[in-house]
Amino acid sequence: MSSFLPQSVRDELAAAQKTARRRRATRVVHIGDEAFAILEMTDRGFCVDLDDAPRLRGLVDIYDGPRHLYQALIVASEQVGDVMRYEFKRNTAAALRAPVDFETANDQPVGFLPSP
């Protein structure tokens, strides 16, 4: 079917599909102060748009909206069309609280009420 369409129409369809993929992406990879939309993510790695992101490498943070999901060490794997695939060398889930190395009492007050 696409062979019957003019090249300009095929280019516009490809651009519209790329824009729709970016809008659907909720996960974002942060490296330094820059952020790039993750188009597809698996347990082994993720994909970003080749035009938006430079060749990424090293330690990155992965967010789902405002929630920090992972801190990962990545390496570029392969280029597939207009998408760049990255693989995890290390992928660590982000924790909200740091582990403590001492015992805490269970009867500690959770909060203080103001006096009337």
C-alpha atoms as a PDB file:
ATOM      1  CA  MET A   1       0.000   0.000   0.000  1.00  0.00           C
ATOM      2  CA  SER A   2       2.763   2.471   0.836  1.00  0.00           C
ATOM      3  CA  SER A   3       4.334   2.048  -2.601  1.00  0.00           C
ATOM      4  CA  PHE A   4       1.292   3.815  -4.110  1.00  0.00           C
ATOM      5  CA  LEU A   5       1.708   6.880  -1.924  1.00  0.00           C
ATOM      6  CA  PRO A   6       3.996   9.754  -2.892  1.00  0.00           C
ATOM      7  CA  GLN A   7       7.242  10.098  -0.934  1.00  0.00           C
ATOM      8  CA  SER A   8       6.123  13.332   0.743  1.00  0.00           C
ATOM      9  CA  VAL A   9       3.006  11.616   2.149  1.00  0.00           C
ATOM     10  CA  ARG A  10       5.094   8.674   3.414  1.00  0.00           C
ATOM     11  CA  ASP A  11       7.479  11.105   5.115  1.00  0.00           C
ATOM     12  CA  GLU A  12       4.597  12.922   6.797  1.00  0.00           C
ATOM     13  CA  LEU A  13       3.106   9.614   7.990  1.00  0.00           C
ATOM     14  CA  ALA A  14       6.458   8.568   9.464  1.00  0.00           C
ATOM     15  CA  ALA A  15       6.797  11.920  11.250  1.00  0.00           C
ATOM     16  CA  ALA A  16       3.267  11.623  12.660  1.00  0.00           C
ATOM     17  CA  GLN A  17       3.990   8.103  13.936  1.00  0.00           C
ATOM     18  CA  LYS A  18       7.206   9.323  15.587  1.00  0.00           C
ATOM     19  CA  THR A  19       5.353  12.167  17.307  1.00  0.00           C
ATOM     20  CA  ALA A  20       2.651   9.785  18.535  1.00  0.00           C
ATOM     21  CA  ARG A  21       5.300   7.428  19.980  1.00  0.00           C
ATOM     22  CA  ARG A  22       6.906  10.309  21.877  1.00  0.00           C
ATOM     23  CA  ARG A  23       3.564  11.432  23.303  1.00  0.00           C
ATOM     24  CA  ARG A  24       2.769   7.936  24.568  1.00  0.00           C
ATOM     25  CA  ALA A  25       6.133   7.622  26.311  1.00  0.00           C
ATOM     26  CA  THR A  26       5.845   8.140  30.060  1.00  0.00           C
ATOM     27  CA  ARG A  27       9.317   6.982  31.047  1.00  0.00           C
ATOM     28  CA  VAL A  28      12.278   9.312  30.679  1.00  0.00           C
ATOM     29  CA  VAL A  29      16.035   8.782  30.895  1.00  0.00           C
ATOM     30  CA  HIS A  30      18.012  11.581  32.575  1.00  0.00           C
ATOM     31  CA  ILE A  31      21.706  12.051  32.006  1.00  0.00           C
ATOM     32  CA  GLY A  32      23.041  15.189  33.631  1.00  0.00           C
ATOM     33  CA  ASP A  33      20.571  18.022  33.042  1.00  0.00           C
ATOM     34  CA  GLU A  34      19.148  16.502  29.846  1.00  0.00           C
ATOM     35  CA  ALA A  35      16.124  14.213  29.597  1.00  0.00           C
ATOM     36  CA  PHE A  36      15.076  11.938  26.702  1.00  0.00           C
ATOM     37  CA  ALA A  37      11.816  10.035  26.220  1.00  0.00           C
ATOM     38  CA  ILE A  38      12.048   6.239  26.365  1.00  0.00           C
ATOM     39  CA  LEU A  39      10.037   4.772  23.510  1.00  0.00           C
ATOM     40  CA  GLU A  40      10.294   1.127  24.576  1.00  0.00           C
ATOM     41  CA  MET A  41      11.682  -0.522  27.708  1.00  0.00           C
ATOM     42  CA  THR A  42      12.424  -4.142  28.569  1.00  0.00           C
ATOM     43  CA  ASP A  43      14.236  -5.818  31.440  1.00  0.00           C
ATOM     44  CA  ARG A  44      17.443  -5.879  29.336  1.00  0.00           C
ATOM     45  CA  GLY A  45      17.402  -2.275  28.072  1.00  0.00           C
ATOM     46  CA  PHE A  46      15.468   0.534  26.412  1.00  0.00           C
ATOM     47  CA  CYS A  47      15.111   2.475  23.154  1.00  0.00           C
ATOM     48  CA  VAL A  48      15.212   6.221  22.481  1.00  0.00           C
ATOM     49  CA  ASP A  49      14.719   8.248  19.325  1.00  0.00           C
ATOM     50  CA  LEU A  50      17.984   8.604  17.437  1.00  0.00           C
ATOM     51  CA  ASP A  51      17.266  12.171  16.314  1.00  0.00           C
ATOM     52  CA  ASP A  52      16.621  13.461  19.856  1.00  0.00           C
ATOM     53  CA  ALA A  53      19.310  11.745  21.896  1.00  0.00           C
ATOM     54  CA  PRO A  54      23.028  11.670  21.282  1.00  0.00           C
ATOM     55  CA  ARG A  55      24.923   8.434  21.876  1.00  0.00           C
ATOM     56  CA  LEU A  56      24.358   7.895  25.573  1.00  0.00           C
ATOM     57  CA  ARG A  57      26.736   5.974  27.772  1.00  0.00           C
ATOM     58  CA  GLY A  58      27.422   5.663  31.458  1.00  0.00           C
ATOM     59  CA  LEU A  59      25.308   6.228  34.547  1.00  0.00           C
ATOM     60  CA  VAL A  60      21.730   7.385  33.926  1.00  0.00           C
ATOM     61  CA  ASP A  61      18.547   7.798  35.966  1.00  0.00           C
ATOM     62  CA  ILE A  62      15.212   6.474  34.710  1.00  0.00           C
ATOM     63  CA  TYR A  63      11.979   8.147  35.783  1.00  0.00           C
ATOM     64  CA  ASP A  64       8.311   7.361  35.273  1.00  0.00           C
ATOM     65  CA  GLY A  65       6.831  10.824  35.496  1.00  0.00           C
ATOM     66  CA  PRO A  66       8.125  12.320  38.777  1.00  0.00           C
ATOM     67  CA  ARG A  67       8.895   8.904  40.327  1.00  0.00           C
ATOM     68  CA  HIS A  68      12.526   7.738  40.253  1.00  0.00           C
ATOM     69  CA  LEU A  69      12.550   4.089  39.132  1.00  0.00           C
ATOM     70  CA  TYR A  70      16.119   3.023  38.405  1.00  0.00           C
ATOM     71  CA  GLN A  71      19.698   4.097  38.357  1.00  0.00           C
ATOM     72  CA  ALA A  72      21.410   2.236  35.542  1.00  0.00           C
ATOM     73  CA  LEU A  73      24.745   1.843  33.838  1.00  0.00           C
ATOM     74  CA  ILE A  74      24.129   1.633  30.087  1.00  0.00           C
ATOM     75  CA  VAL A  75      25.972   1.015  26.845  1.00  0.00           C
ATOM     76  CA  ALA A  76      24.763   1.558  23.267  1.00  0.00           C
ATOM     77  CA  SER A  77      23.715  -1.720  21.687  1.00  0.00           C
ATOM     78  CA  GLU A  78      22.470  -1.158  18.137  1.00  0.00           C
ATOM     79  CA  GLN A  79      20.708   1.223  15.813  1.00  0.00           C
ATOM     80  CA  VAL A  80      17.420  -0.057  14.391  1.00  0.00           C
ATOM     81  CA  GLY A  81      15.975   2.391  11.882  1.00  0.00           C
ATOM     82  CA  ASP A  82      15.408   5.714  13.641  1.00  0.00           C
ATOM     83  CA  VAL A  83      15.685   4.155  17.121  1.00  0.00           C
ATOM     84  CA  MET A  84      18.814   3.567  19.230  1.00  0.00           C
ATOM     85  CA  ARG A  85      18.834   0.579  21.599  1.00  0.00           C
ATOM     86  CA  TYR A  86      20.733   0.644  24.879  1.00  0.00           C
ATOM     87  CA  GLU A  87      21.473  -2.320  27.138  1.00  0.00           C
ATOM     88  CA  PHE A  88      21.837  -2.328  30.891  1.00  0.00           C
ATOM     89  CA  LYS A  89      25.172  -3.307  32.348  1.00  0.00           C
ATOM     90  CA  ARG A  90      23.735  -2.630  35.799  1.00  0.00           C
ATOM     91  CA  ASN A  91      20.160  -1.730  36.679  1.00  0.00           C
ATOM     92  CA  THR A  92      19.424  -0.887  40.319  1.00  0.00           C
ATOM     93  CA  ALA A  93      15.953  -0.058  41.600  1.00  0.00           C
ATOM     94  CA  ALA A  94      15.784   3.304  43.345  1.00  0.00           C
ATOM     95  CA  ALA A  95      14.883   3.209  47.045  1.00  0.00           C
ATOM     96  CA  LEU A  96      12.923   5.874  48.860  1.00  0.00           C
ATOM     97  CA  ARG A  97      14.752   5.297  52.151  1.00  0.00           C
ATOM     98  CA  ALA A  98      18.368   4.454  52.796  1.00  0.00           C
ATOM     99  CA  PRO A  99      19.006   1.269  54.770  1.00  0.00           C
ATOM    100  CA  VAL A 100      19.984   1.712  58.407  1.00  0.00           C
ATOM    101  CA  ASP A 101      22.710  -0.281  60.088  1.00  0.00           C
ATOM    102  CA  PHE A 102      21.315  -0.086  63.609  1.00  0.00           C
ATOM    103  CA  GLU A 103      18.226  -1.321  65.405  1.00  0.00           C
ATOM    104  CA  THR A 104      15.346   1.093  65.860  1.00  0.00           C
ATOM    105  CA  ALA A 105      12.817   0.844  68.664  1.00  0.00           C
ATOM    106  CA  ASN A 106       9.309  -0.121  67.603  1.00  0.00           C
ATOM    107  CA  ASP A 107       7.632   2.044  70.270  1.00  0.00           C
ATOM    108  CA  GLN A 108       8.948   5.362  68.917  1.00  0.00           C
ATOM    109  CA  PRO A 109       6.295   8.002  68.318  1.00  0.00           C
ATOM    110  CA  VAL A 110       5.310   8.400  64.699  1.00  0.00           C
ATOM    111  CA  GLY A 111       4.457  12.073  65.050  1.00  0.00           C
ATOM    112  CA  PHE A 112       3.835  14.751  67.617  1.00  0.00           C
ATOM    113  CA  LEU A 113       0.488  16.414  68.237  1.00  0.00           C
ATOM    114  CA  PRO A 114       0.508  20.095  69.161  1.00  0.00           C
ATOM    115  CA  SER A 115      -0.589  20.933  72.696  1.00  0.00           C
ATOM    116  CA  PRO A 116      -3.969  22.703  72.937  1.00  0.00           C
END
